Amino acid sequence: MTDAQARLREALKLVGVALKTAGVPFALAGSYALWARGAPEPHHDVDFVVAESDRDQAAEILADAGLQVAEPPEDWLFKVYVDDVLVDLLFRLNGDPVTHADLADAEEMEVESVRLPVLGATVLIKAKLAALDERACDLTKVLPAARAVREQVDWDDIAEATADNPFAVVTLDLLARLGVIAPRKGGRQDRSFGV
């Protein structure tokens, strides 16, 4: 583990425990949630989700805990800094408001000796695939995570939810061709691309 990863893990615990202690519904999200489920450890930042209706309360709790809260121009998250480590608090995922019902589906897991709610693998991979587009199509962040959590994912649900995103469709086809997931019969990814 690098020093940067150690600082990310400490920030994860600090923010998670602050939200948990305050009783604000939340869940670990993004690449660190996938890491908690067996994917490779990320090196950039930590993501949590809170319900859009709890957004202001969560920001206030974290500011009261002595953390620096920043309001970026994006209208779907706010940022918290634990020293120089960035933690994103998302209240919308792929344009949809996070609700208490979304958070109720999170699974309590031990993450770095702390019990925290963690979003499910299907939700996490769906969000990664839905975010793929011509400006952000780095499959090195998607393929290893998908391979690591493949048994935890409802791939039919993901295929249906991302069917209108050609980048996601092609990524699912690639995962099937690599033997990570089963090919979908009769679906869009069952087509041959001449390979």
N, C-alpha and C. Protein backbone atom coordinates (compact mmCIF):
# COMPACT_ATOMS: atom_id res chain seq x y z
N MET A 1 0.85 -1.18 0.00
CA MET A 1 0.00 0.00 0.00
C MET A 1 0.90 1.24 0.00
N THR A 2 0.56 2.18 -0.89
CA THR A 2 1.32 3.42 -0.97
C THR A 2 0.83 4.40 0.10
N ASP A 3 1.61 5.45 0.31
CA ASP A 3 1.21 6.49 1.25
C ASP A 3 -0.09 7.15 0.79
N ALA A 4 -0.23 7.37 -0.52
CA ALA A 4 -1.45 7.99 -1.05
C ALA A 4 -2.67 7.11 -0.77
N GLN A 5 -2.52 5.79 -0.95
CA GLN A 5 -3.63 4.88 -0.67
C GLN A 5 -3.97 4.88 0.82
N ALA A 6 -2.96 4.94 1.68
CA ALA A 6 -3.20 4.99 3.13
C ALA A 6 -3.99 6.24 3.49
N ARG A 7 -3.67 7.37 2.86
CA ARG A 7 -4.39 8.61 3.14
C ARG A 7 -5.82 8.56 2.60
N LEU A 8 -6.01 7.93 1.45
CA LEU A 8 -7.37 7.76 0.92
C LEU A 8 -8.21 6.89 1.85
N ARG A 9 -7.62 5.81 2.34
CA ARG A 9 -8.36 4.93 3.25
C ARG A 9 -8.72 5.65 4.55
N GLU A 10 -7.82 6.46 5.07
CA GLU A 10 -8.11 7.21 6.29
C GLU A 10 -9.22 8.22 6.06
N ALA A 11 -9.19 8.89 4.91
CA ALA A 11 -10.25 9.84 4.57
C ALA A 11 -11.59 9.13 4.44
N LEU A 12 -11.58 7.96 3.80
CA LEU A 12 -12.79 7.15 3.67
C LEU A 12 -13.39 6.86 5.04
N LYS A 13 -12.55 6.41 5.96
CA LYS A 13 -13.04 6.08 7.31
C LYS A 13 -13.54 7.32 8.04
N LEU A 14 -12.80 8.41 7.95
CA LEU A 14 -13.18 9.63 8.66
C LEU A 14 -14.54 10.15 8.21
N VAL A 15 -14.74 10.25 6.91
CA VAL A 15 -16.02 10.75 6.38
C VAL A 15 -17.13 9.74 6.66
N GLY A 16 -16.87 8.45 6.42
CA GLY A 16 -17.88 7.44 6.67
C GLY A 16 -18.34 7.40 8.12
N VAL A 17 -17.40 7.46 9.05
CA VAL A 17 -17.76 7.43 10.46
C VAL A 17 -18.51 8.69 10.86
N ALA A 18 -18.13 9.85 10.32
CA ALA A 18 -18.84 11.10 10.64
C ALA A 18 -20.30 11.02 10.20
N LEU A 19 -20.54 10.52 9.00
CA LEU A 19 -21.92 10.40 8.50
C LEU A 19 -22.70 9.35 9.29
N LYS A 20 -22.03 8.24 9.58
CA LYS A 20 -22.67 7.15 10.32
C LYS A 20 -23.04 7.61 11.74
N THR A 21 -22.14 8.28 12.41
CA THR A 21 -22.38 8.76 13.77
C THR A 21 -23.53 9.75 13.81
N ALA A 22 -23.64 10.57 12.77
CA ALA A 22 -24.70 11.58 12.71
C ALA A 22 -26.04 10.99 12.29
N GLY A 23 -26.04 9.76 11.82
CA GLY A 23 -27.29 9.11 11.43
C GLY A 23 -27.81 9.52 10.06
N VAL A 24 -26.94 10.09 9.22
CA VAL A 24 -27.35 10.47 7.86
C VAL A 24 -27.25 9.23 6.97
N PRO A 25 -28.32 8.85 6.29
CA PRO A 25 -28.23 7.71 5.38
C PRO A 25 -27.22 8.00 4.26
N PHE A 26 -26.35 7.05 3.98
CA PHE A 26 -25.31 7.22 2.97
C PHE A 26 -24.83 5.85 2.55
N ALA A 27 -23.96 5.82 1.55
CA ALA A 27 -23.31 4.56 1.16
C ALA A 27 -21.99 4.89 0.48
N LEU A 28 -21.03 4.02 0.66
CA LEU A 28 -19.78 4.10 -0.08
C LEU A 28 -20.11 3.78 -1.53
N ALA A 29 -19.51 4.54 -2.45
CA ALA A 29 -19.82 4.40 -3.87
C ALA A 29 -18.52 4.39 -4.67
N GLY A 30 -18.66 4.38 -5.99
CA GLY A 30 -17.51 4.51 -6.87
C GLY A 30 -16.49 3.39 -6.74
N SER A 31 -15.26 3.73 -7.08
CA SER A 31 -14.19 2.73 -7.15
C SER A 31 -13.84 2.14 -5.80
N TYR A 32 -13.98 2.92 -4.72
CA TYR A 32 -13.68 2.34 -3.41
C TYR A 32 -14.77 1.36 -2.96
N ALA A 33 -16.00 1.56 -3.39
CA ALA A 33 -17.04 0.57 -3.11
C ALA A 33 -16.75 -0.72 -3.88
N LEU A 34 -16.29 -0.58 -5.12
CA LEU A 34 -15.90 -1.76 -5.89
C LEU A 34 -14.69 -2.43 -5.24
N TRP A 35 -13.76 -1.65 -4.71
CA TRP A 35 -12.59 -2.20 -4.01
C TRP A 35 -13.05 -3.00 -2.79
N ALA A 36 -14.02 -2.46 -2.05
CA ALA A 36 -14.55 -3.17 -0.88
C ALA A 36 -15.17 -4.51 -1.29
N ARG A 37 -15.60 -4.61 -2.56
CA ARG A 37 -16.21 -5.83 -3.07
C ARG A 37 -15.22 -6.72 -3.82
N GLY A 38 -13.93 -6.32 -3.85
CA GLY A 38 -12.91 -7.19 -4.43
C GLY A 38 -12.17 -6.66 -5.64
N ALA A 39 -12.53 -5.46 -6.12
CA ALA A 39 -11.86 -4.89 -7.29
C ALA A 39 -10.53 -4.26 -6.89
N PRO A 40 -9.69 -3.93 -7.88
CA PRO A 40 -8.42 -3.27 -7.56
C PRO A 40 -8.63 -1.93 -6.83
N GLU A 41 -7.66 -1.58 -6.00
CA GLU A 41 -7.78 -0.33 -5.23
C GLU A 41 -7.52 0.88 -6.13
N PRO A 42 -8.37 1.89 -6.04
CA PRO A 42 -8.17 3.11 -6.83
C PRO A 42 -7.06 3.98 -6.24
N HIS A 43 -6.70 5.02 -6.97
CA HIS A 43 -5.61 5.90 -6.54
C HIS A 43 -6.00 7.37 -6.58
N HIS A 44 -7.28 7.68 -6.83
CA HIS A 44 -7.63 9.08 -7.08
C HIS A 44 -8.41 9.71 -5.94
N ASP A 45 -9.62 9.24 -5.69
CA ASP A 45 -10.46 9.85 -4.66
C ASP A 45 -11.42 8.82 -4.09
N VAL A 46 -12.21 9.26 -3.14
CA VAL A 46 -13.22 8.42 -2.49
C VAL A 46 -14.58 9.01 -2.82
N ASP A 47 -15.57 8.15 -3.09
CA ASP A 47 -16.92 8.61 -3.38
C ASP A 47 -17.91 8.02 -2.38
N PHE A 48 -18.81 8.87 -1.91
CA PHE A 48 -19.96 8.44 -1.14
C PHE A 48 -21.20 8.99 -1.83
N VAL A 49 -22.35 8.36 -1.58
CA VAL A 49 -23.62 8.92 -2.03
C VAL A 49 -24.49 9.21 -0.81
N VAL A 50 -25.24 10.30 -0.91
CA VAL A 50 -26.25 10.66 0.08
C VAL A 50 -27.51 11.01 -0.70
N ALA A 51 -28.64 10.90 -0.04
CA ALA A 51 -29.89 11.28 -0.70
C ALA A 51 -29.85 12.77 -1.01
N GLU A 52 -30.41 13.16 -2.13
CA GLU A 52 -30.42 14.57 -2.50
C GLU A 52 -31.09 15.41 -1.40
N SER A 53 -32.10 14.86 -0.75
CA SER A 53 -32.79 15.59 0.31
C SER A 53 -31.93 15.79 1.56
N ASP A 54 -30.86 15.00 1.70
CA ASP A 54 -29.96 15.10 2.86
C ASP A 54 -28.67 15.83 2.54
N ARG A 55 -28.56 16.34 1.35
CA ARG A 55 -27.33 16.96 0.88
C ARG A 55 -26.83 18.06 1.80
N ASP A 56 -27.68 19.01 2.16
CA ASP A 56 -27.27 20.14 3.01
C ASP A 56 -26.89 19.67 4.41
N GLN A 57 -27.66 18.74 4.95
CA GLN A 57 -27.37 18.22 6.28
C GLN A 57 -26.01 17.51 6.29
N ALA A 58 -25.74 16.71 5.27
CA ALA A 58 -24.46 16.00 5.20
C ALA A 58 -23.30 16.98 5.12
N ALA A 59 -23.45 18.01 4.31
CA ALA A 59 -22.38 19.01 4.17
C ALA A 59 -22.14 19.71 5.50
N GLU A 60 -23.21 20.05 6.20
CA GLU A 60 -23.08 20.72 7.50
C GLU A 60 -22.40 19.83 8.53
N ILE A 61 -22.77 18.56 8.55
CA ILE A 61 -22.16 17.61 9.51
C ILE A 61 -20.66 17.49 9.26
N LEU A 62 -20.27 17.40 8.01
CA LEU A 62 -18.86 17.24 7.69
C LEU A 62 -18.08 18.52 7.97
N ALA A 63 -18.70 19.68 7.71
CA ALA A 63 -18.04 20.94 8.05
C ALA A 63 -17.89 21.07 9.56
N ASP A 64 -18.92 20.68 10.32
CA ASP A 64 -18.86 20.72 11.79
C ASP A 64 -17.79 19.77 12.33
N ALA A 65 -17.46 18.72 11.56
CA ALA A 65 -16.42 17.78 11.97
C ALA A 65 -15.02 18.32 11.66
N GLY A 66 -14.97 19.55 11.16
CA GLY A 66 -13.68 20.20 10.88
C GLY A 66 -13.12 19.95 9.50
N LEU A 67 -13.94 19.39 8.60
CA LEU A 67 -13.48 19.12 7.25
C LEU A 67 -13.83 20.29 6.33
N GLN A 68 -13.01 20.48 5.32
CA GLN A 68 -13.24 21.56 4.36
C GLN A 68 -14.25 21.08 3.32
N VAL A 69 -15.40 21.76 3.25
CA VAL A 69 -16.44 21.43 2.29
C VAL A 69 -16.38 22.45 1.16
N ALA A 70 -16.36 21.98 -0.08
CA ALA A 70 -16.29 22.86 -1.24
C ALA A 70 -17.46 22.59 -2.16
N GLU A 71 -17.98 23.66 -2.73
CA GLU A 71 -19.11 23.58 -3.67
C GLU A 71 -18.57 23.77 -5.09
N PRO A 72 -18.42 22.70 -5.85
CA PRO A 72 -17.94 22.84 -7.23
C PRO A 72 -19.06 23.35 -8.14
N PRO A 73 -18.74 23.71 -9.37
CA PRO A 73 -19.78 24.17 -10.30
C PRO A 73 -20.78 23.07 -10.65
N GLU A 74 -20.36 21.80 -10.59
CA GLU A 74 -21.27 20.70 -10.90
C GLU A 74 -22.41 20.69 -9.88
N ASP A 75 -23.61 20.41 -10.36
CA ASP A 75 -24.79 20.46 -9.48
C ASP A 75 -25.25 19.08 -9.03
N TRP A 76 -24.33 18.13 -8.97
CA TRP A 76 -24.70 16.77 -8.59
C TRP A 76 -23.82 16.21 -7.47
N LEU A 77 -22.93 17.04 -6.94
CA LEU A 77 -22.05 16.60 -5.86
C LEU A 77 -21.49 17.79 -5.11
N PHE A 78 -20.94 17.52 -3.93
CA PHE A 78 -20.06 18.49 -3.28
C PHE A 78 -18.81 17.74 -2.87
N LYS A 79 -17.77 18.50 -2.57
CA LYS A 79 -16.47 17.91 -2.29
C LYS A 79 -16.07 18.19 -0.85
N VAL A 80 -15.36 17.23 -0.28
CA VAL A 80 -14.83 17.37 1.07
C VAL A 80 -13.35 17.05 0.99
N TYR A 81 -12.55 17.87 1.67
CA TYR A 81 -11.12 17.63 1.71
C TYR A 81 -10.71 17.20 3.11
N VAL A 82 -10.02 16.07 3.18
CA VAL A 82 -9.41 15.60 4.42
C VAL A 82 -7.92 15.82 4.19
N ASP A 83 -7.42 16.93 4.72
CA ASP A 83 -6.08 17.42 4.37
C ASP A 83 -6.04 17.61 2.86
N ASP A 84 -5.19 16.85 2.15
CA ASP A 84 -5.13 17.02 0.69
C ASP A 84 -5.86 15.92 -0.06
N VAL A 85 -6.63 15.12 0.66
CA VAL A 85 -7.36 14.01 0.03
C VAL A 85 -8.78 14.44 -0.31
N LEU A 86 -9.19 14.16 -1.54
CA LEU A 86 -10.51 14.54 -2.02
C LEU A 86 -11.52 13.42 -1.79
N VAL A 87 -12.66 13.79 -1.22
CA VAL A 87 -13.79 12.89 -1.06
C VAL A 87 -14.99 13.55 -1.73
N ASP A 88 -15.60 12.85 -2.68
CA ASP A 88 -16.79 13.37 -3.37
C ASP A 88 -18.04 12.82 -2.70
N LEU A 89 -19.01 13.70 -2.44
CA LEU A 89 -20.32 13.31 -1.92
C LEU A 89 -21.32 13.56 -3.03
N LEU A 90 -21.78 12.48 -3.66
CA LEU A 90 -22.70 12.58 -4.79
C LEU A 90 -24.13 12.47 -4.29
N PHE A 91 -24.99 13.32 -4.81
CA PHE A 91 -26.41 13.20 -4.49
C PHE A 91 -27.24 12.95 -5.75
N ARG A 92 -26.56 12.80 -6.89
CA ARG A 92 -27.18 12.33 -8.13
C ARG A 92 -26.21 11.35 -8.77
N LEU A 93 -26.75 10.27 -9.32
CA LEU A 93 -25.96 9.30 -10.06
C LEU A 93 -26.47 9.23 -11.48
N ASN A 94 -25.60 9.52 -12.44
CA ASN A 94 -25.97 9.52 -13.85
C ASN A 94 -27.22 10.36 -14.11
N GLY A 95 -27.31 11.50 -13.43
CA GLY A 95 -28.40 12.44 -13.63
C GLY A 95 -29.63 12.20 -12.78
N ASP A 96 -29.72 11.05 -12.12
CA ASP A 96 -30.89 10.74 -11.30
C ASP A 96 -30.62 11.06 -9.83
N PRO A 97 -31.57 11.71 -9.16
CA PRO A 97 -31.37 11.99 -7.73
C PRO A 97 -31.24 10.69 -6.93
N VAL A 98 -30.31 10.68 -5.99
CA VAL A 98 -30.19 9.55 -5.07
C VAL A 98 -31.31 9.69 -4.04
N THR A 99 -32.00 8.59 -3.77
CA THR A 99 -33.12 8.59 -2.83
C THR A 99 -32.79 7.70 -1.63
N HIS A 100 -33.60 7.82 -0.59
CA HIS A 100 -33.44 6.94 0.56
C HIS A 100 -33.65 5.48 0.17
N ALA A 101 -34.53 5.23 -0.80
CA ALA A 101 -34.76 3.85 -1.26
C ALA A 101 -33.49 3.29 -1.92
N ASP A 102 -32.77 4.12 -2.68
CA ASP A 102 -31.51 3.68 -3.29
C ASP A 102 -30.51 3.28 -2.20
N LEU A 103 -30.48 4.05 -1.13
CA LEU A 103 -29.52 3.80 -0.05
C LEU A 103 -29.93 2.58 0.78
N ALA A 104 -31.23 2.30 0.84
CA ALA A 104 -31.71 1.16 1.62
C ALA A 104 -31.21 -0.16 1.04
N ASP A 105 -30.87 -0.16 -0.26
CA ASP A 105 -30.37 -1.37 -0.90
C ASP A 105 -28.88 -1.61 -0.68
N ALA A 106 -28.20 -0.64 -0.06
CA ALA A 106 -26.76 -0.81 0.20
C ALA A 106 -26.55 -1.91 1.23
N GLU A 107 -25.44 -2.61 1.08
CA GLU A 107 -25.10 -3.72 1.98
C GLU A 107 -24.06 -3.27 3.00
N GLU A 108 -24.32 -3.54 4.26
CA GLU A 108 -23.35 -3.21 5.30
C GLU A 108 -22.18 -4.17 5.20
N MET A 109 -20.98 -3.60 5.09
CA MET A 109 -19.77 -4.39 4.94
C MET A 109 -18.67 -3.81 5.81
N GLU A 110 -17.70 -4.65 6.15
CA GLU A 110 -16.54 -4.14 6.87
C GLU A 110 -15.54 -3.60 5.86
N VAL A 111 -15.22 -2.31 6.01
CA VAL A 111 -14.27 -1.65 5.13
C VAL A 111 -13.20 -1.03 6.01
N GLU A 112 -12.00 -1.58 5.94
CA GLU A 112 -10.91 -1.05 6.77
C GLU A 112 -11.29 -1.00 8.25
N SER A 113 -11.85 -2.08 8.74
CA SER A 113 -12.22 -2.25 10.16
C SER A 113 -13.40 -1.39 10.60
N VAL A 114 -14.12 -0.81 9.66
CA VAL A 114 -15.30 0.00 9.98
C VAL A 114 -16.48 -0.57 9.19
N ARG A 115 -17.62 -0.78 9.84
CA ARG A 115 -18.81 -1.25 9.15
C ARG A 115 -19.49 -0.06 8.48
N LEU A 116 -19.61 -0.15 7.15
CA LEU A 116 -20.20 0.92 6.36
C LEU A 116 -21.16 0.34 5.34
N PRO A 117 -22.21 1.08 4.98
CA PRO A 117 -23.06 0.66 3.87
C PRO A 117 -22.32 0.86 2.54
N VAL A 118 -22.40 -0.13 1.67
CA VAL A 118 -21.70 -0.11 0.38
C VAL A 118 -22.72 -0.41 -0.72
N LEU A 119 -22.72 0.43 -1.75
CA LEU A 119 -23.63 0.19 -2.87
C LEU A 119 -23.35 -1.19 -3.47
N GLY A 120 -24.39 -1.78 -4.06
CA GLY A 120 -24.27 -3.09 -4.68
C GLY A 120 -23.45 -3.05 -5.96
N ALA A 121 -22.88 -4.20 -6.31
CA ALA A 121 -22.02 -4.28 -7.48
C ALA A 121 -22.77 -3.96 -8.77
N THR A 122 -24.03 -4.35 -8.87
CA THR A 122 -24.80 -4.05 -10.08
C THR A 122 -24.96 -2.55 -10.25
N VAL A 123 -25.30 -1.85 -9.19
CA VAL A 123 -25.45 -0.39 -9.25
C VAL A 123 -24.13 0.27 -9.62
N LEU A 124 -23.04 -0.22 -9.04
CA LEU A 124 -21.72 0.38 -9.28
C LEU A 124 -21.25 0.19 -10.71
N ILE A 125 -21.37 -1.02 -11.23
CA ILE A 125 -20.95 -1.28 -12.61
C ILE A 125 -21.87 -0.56 -13.59
N LYS A 126 -23.16 -0.54 -13.29
CA LYS A 126 -24.10 0.19 -14.15
C LYS A 126 -23.71 1.66 -14.25
N ALA A 127 -23.35 2.27 -13.13
CA ALA A 127 -22.95 3.69 -13.12
C ALA A 127 -21.68 3.88 -13.94
N LYS A 128 -20.72 2.96 -13.81
CA LYS A 128 -19.47 3.08 -14.58
C LYS A 128 -19.76 2.99 -16.08
N LEU A 129 -20.60 2.04 -16.48
CA LEU A 129 -20.90 1.88 -17.90
C LEU A 129 -21.74 3.03 -18.44
N ALA A 130 -22.69 3.50 -17.64
CA ALA A 130 -23.54 4.61 -18.08
C ALA A 130 -22.74 5.90 -18.28
N ALA A 131 -21.64 6.03 -17.56
CA ALA A 131 -20.83 7.24 -17.65
C ALA A 131 -19.89 7.24 -18.86
N LEU A 132 -19.76 6.10 -19.54
CA LEU A 132 -18.88 6.04 -20.71
C LEU A 132 -19.44 6.87 -21.86
N ASP A 133 -18.59 7.67 -22.45
CA ASP A 133 -18.95 8.42 -23.65
C ASP A 133 -17.67 8.77 -24.40
N GLU A 134 -17.80 9.57 -25.46
CA GLU A 134 -16.63 9.87 -26.29
C GLU A 134 -15.56 10.68 -25.55
N ARG A 135 -15.92 11.35 -24.47
CA ARG A 135 -14.96 12.12 -23.69
C ARG A 135 -14.36 11.32 -22.54
N ALA A 136 -15.03 10.28 -22.13
CA ALA A 136 -14.59 9.48 -20.99
C ALA A 136 -14.83 8.01 -21.30
N CYS A 137 -13.83 7.40 -21.89
CA CYS A 137 -13.99 6.00 -22.30
C CYS A 137 -12.73 5.21 -21.95
N ASP A 138 -12.30 5.34 -20.71
CA ASP A 138 -11.11 4.64 -20.24
C ASP A 138 -11.51 3.29 -19.68
N LEU A 139 -11.39 2.26 -20.49
CA LEU A 139 -11.81 0.92 -20.09
C LEU A 139 -10.86 0.29 -19.07
N THR A 140 -9.68 0.89 -18.87
CA THR A 140 -8.77 0.34 -17.85
C THR A 140 -9.35 0.51 -16.45
N LYS A 141 -10.34 1.39 -16.29
CA LYS A 141 -11.01 1.56 -15.01
C LYS A 141 -12.24 0.66 -14.89
N VAL A 142 -12.72 0.17 -16.02
CA VAL A 142 -13.96 -0.62 -16.03
C VAL A 142 -13.68 -2.12 -16.06
N LEU A 143 -12.80 -2.56 -16.95
CA LEU A 143 -12.61 -4.00 -17.16
C LEU A 143 -12.10 -4.74 -15.92
N PRO A 144 -11.06 -4.25 -15.24
CA PRO A 144 -10.61 -4.99 -14.04
C PRO A 144 -11.67 -5.04 -12.94
N ALA A 145 -12.40 -3.95 -12.77
CA ALA A 145 -13.46 -3.93 -11.75
C ALA A 145 -14.57 -4.91 -12.12
N ALA A 146 -14.98 -4.90 -13.38
CA ALA A 146 -16.05 -5.81 -13.83
C ALA A 146 -15.62 -7.27 -13.66
N ARG A 147 -14.37 -7.57 -13.99
CA ARG A 147 -13.87 -8.94 -13.83
C ARG A 147 -13.89 -9.35 -12.37
N ALA A 148 -13.48 -8.45 -11.48
CA ALA A 148 -13.37 -8.77 -10.05
C ALA A 148 -14.72 -9.03 -9.39
N VAL A 149 -15.76 -8.31 -9.83
CA VAL A 149 -17.06 -8.42 -9.15
C VAL A 149 -18.10 -9.14 -10.00
N ARG A 150 -17.69 -9.80 -11.06
CA ARG A 150 -18.63 -10.35 -12.05
C ARG A 150 -19.70 -11.25 -11.46
N GLU A 151 -19.38 -12.02 -10.41
CA GLU A 151 -20.38 -12.93 -9.83
C GLU A 151 -21.41 -12.18 -8.99
N GLN A 152 -21.14 -10.93 -8.65
CA GLN A 152 -22.04 -10.14 -7.81
C GLN A 152 -23.00 -9.28 -8.64
N VAL A 153 -22.90 -9.34 -9.96
CA VAL A 153 -23.59 -8.40 -10.84
C VAL A 153 -24.74 -9.08 -11.59
N ASP A 154 -25.85 -8.36 -11.72
CA ASP A 154 -26.97 -8.79 -12.57
C ASP A 154 -26.70 -8.19 -13.96
N TRP A 155 -26.04 -8.96 -14.82
CA TRP A 155 -25.61 -8.46 -16.12
C TRP A 155 -26.78 -8.17 -17.05
N ASP A 156 -27.89 -8.92 -16.93
CA ASP A 156 -29.07 -8.64 -17.77
C ASP A 156 -29.64 -7.27 -17.42
N ASP A 157 -29.70 -6.95 -16.12
CA ASP A 157 -30.18 -5.64 -15.68
C ASP A 157 -29.31 -4.53 -16.25
N ILE A 158 -27.99 -4.73 -16.19
CA ILE A 158 -27.06 -3.72 -16.71
C ILE A 158 -27.22 -3.56 -18.22
N ALA A 159 -27.32 -4.67 -18.94
CA ALA A 159 -27.48 -4.60 -20.40
C ALA A 159 -28.74 -3.84 -20.77
N GLU A 160 -29.82 -4.10 -20.06
CA GLU A 160 -31.07 -3.40 -20.35
C GLU A 160 -30.96 -1.91 -20.02
N ALA A 161 -30.37 -1.59 -18.87
CA ALA A 161 -30.28 -0.20 -18.43
C ALA A 161 -29.35 0.64 -19.28
N THR A 162 -28.36 0.01 -19.90
CA THR A 162 -27.37 0.77 -20.68
C THR A 162 -27.49 0.54 -22.18
N ALA A 163 -28.58 -0.05 -22.63
CA ALA A 163 -28.74 -0.43 -24.04
C ALA A 163 -28.68 0.75 -24.99
N ASP A 164 -28.98 1.96 -24.53
CA ASP A 164 -28.95 3.13 -25.40
C ASP A 164 -27.57 3.79 -25.45
N ASN A 165 -26.61 3.27 -24.71
CA ASN A 165 -25.26 3.83 -24.69
C ASN A 165 -24.35 2.91 -25.49
N PRO A 166 -23.95 3.31 -26.71
CA PRO A 166 -23.14 2.41 -27.53
C PRO A 166 -21.79 2.06 -26.89
N PHE A 167 -21.25 2.95 -26.08
CA PHE A 167 -19.99 2.66 -25.40
C PHE A 167 -20.18 1.53 -24.38
N ALA A 168 -21.30 1.55 -23.68
CA ALA A 168 -21.60 0.49 -22.72
C ALA A 168 -21.87 -0.82 -23.43
N VAL A 169 -22.62 -0.77 -24.54
CA VAL A 169 -22.95 -1.98 -25.30
C VAL A 169 -21.68 -2.66 -25.79
N VAL A 170 -20.76 -1.87 -26.34
CA VAL A 170 -19.51 -2.43 -26.85
C VAL A 170 -18.65 -2.97 -25.70
N THR A 171 -18.68 -2.29 -24.56
CA THR A 171 -17.91 -2.77 -23.40
C THR A 171 -18.47 -4.10 -22.91
N LEU A 172 -19.78 -4.23 -22.89
CA LEU A 172 -20.38 -5.52 -22.50
C LEU A 172 -20.01 -6.61 -23.51
N ASP A 173 -19.99 -6.26 -24.79
CA ASP A 173 -19.58 -7.22 -25.81
C ASP A 173 -18.12 -7.64 -25.59
N LEU A 174 -17.27 -6.68 -25.28
CA LEU A 174 -15.86 -6.98 -25.02
C LEU A 174 -15.72 -7.89 -23.79
N LEU A 175 -16.47 -7.59 -22.73
CA LEU A 175 -16.44 -8.44 -21.54
C LEU A 175 -16.87 -9.87 -21.87
N ALA A 176 -17.87 -10.00 -22.74
CA ALA A 176 -18.31 -11.34 -23.15
C ALA A 176 -17.24 -12.03 -23.99
N ARG A 177 -16.63 -11.31 -24.92
CA ARG A 177 -15.60 -11.90 -25.78
C ARG A 177 -14.36 -12.30 -24.97
N LEU A 178 -14.11 -11.60 -23.87
CA LEU A 178 -12.98 -11.93 -22.99
C LEU A 178 -13.32 -13.06 -22.02
N GLY A 179 -14.58 -13.50 -22.03
CA GLY A 179 -14.99 -14.58 -21.15
C GLY A 179 -15.27 -14.14 -19.72
N VAL A 180 -15.39 -12.84 -19.51
CA VAL A 180 -15.69 -12.33 -18.17
C VAL A 180 -17.16 -12.55 -17.84
N ILE A 181 -18.03 -12.32 -18.83
CA ILE A 181 -19.46 -12.54 -18.66
C ILE A 181 -19.96 -13.42 -19.80
N ALA A 182 -21.12 -14.00 -19.63
CA ALA A 182 -21.71 -14.83 -20.68
C ALA A 182 -22.28 -13.94 -21.78
N PRO A 183 -22.14 -14.35 -23.03
CA PRO A 183 -22.75 -13.58 -24.12
C PRO A 183 -24.27 -13.57 -23.96
N ARG A 184 -24.88 -12.46 -24.30
CA ARG A 184 -26.34 -12.37 -24.24
C ARG A 184 -26.92 -12.94 -25.51
N LYS A 185 -27.81 -13.88 -25.38
CA LYS A 185 -28.47 -14.49 -26.53
C LYS A 185 -29.59 -13.59 -27.04
N GLY A 186 -29.52 -13.26 -28.34
CA GLY A 186 -30.57 -12.46 -28.95
C GLY A 186 -30.49 -10.98 -28.61
N GLY A 187 -29.56 -10.61 -27.77
CA GLY A 187 -29.41 -9.19 -27.40
C GLY A 187 -28.51 -8.48 -28.39
N ARG A 188 -28.37 -7.19 -28.17
CA ARG A 188 -27.57 -6.38 -29.07
C ARG A 188 -26.11 -6.84 -29.06
N GLN A 189 -25.62 -7.32 -27.92
CA GLN A 189 -24.23 -7.70 -27.87
C GLN A 189 -23.97 -9.10 -28.43
N ASP A 190 -25.03 -9.78 -28.89
CA ASP A 190 -24.87 -11.09 -29.51
C ASP A 190 -24.47 -10.95 -30.98
N ARG A 191 -24.46 -9.74 -31.51
CA ARG A 191 -24.11 -9.53 -32.90
C ARG A 191 -22.61 -9.70 -33.09
N SER A 192 -22.23 -10.19 -34.23
CA SER A 192 -20.81 -10.34 -34.55
C SER A 192 -20.29 -9.04 -35.14
N PHE A 193 -19.10 -8.66 -34.71
CA PHE A 193 -18.45 -7.48 -35.28
C PHE A 193 -17.33 -7.90 -36.24
N GLY A 194 -17.40 -9.16 -36.72
CA GLY A 194 -16.44 -9.62 -37.70
C GLY A 194 -15.09 -9.97 -37.11
N VAL A 195 -15.03 -10.21 -35.82
CA VAL A 195 -13.76 -10.57 -35.19
C VAL A 195 -13.67 -12.07 -35.06
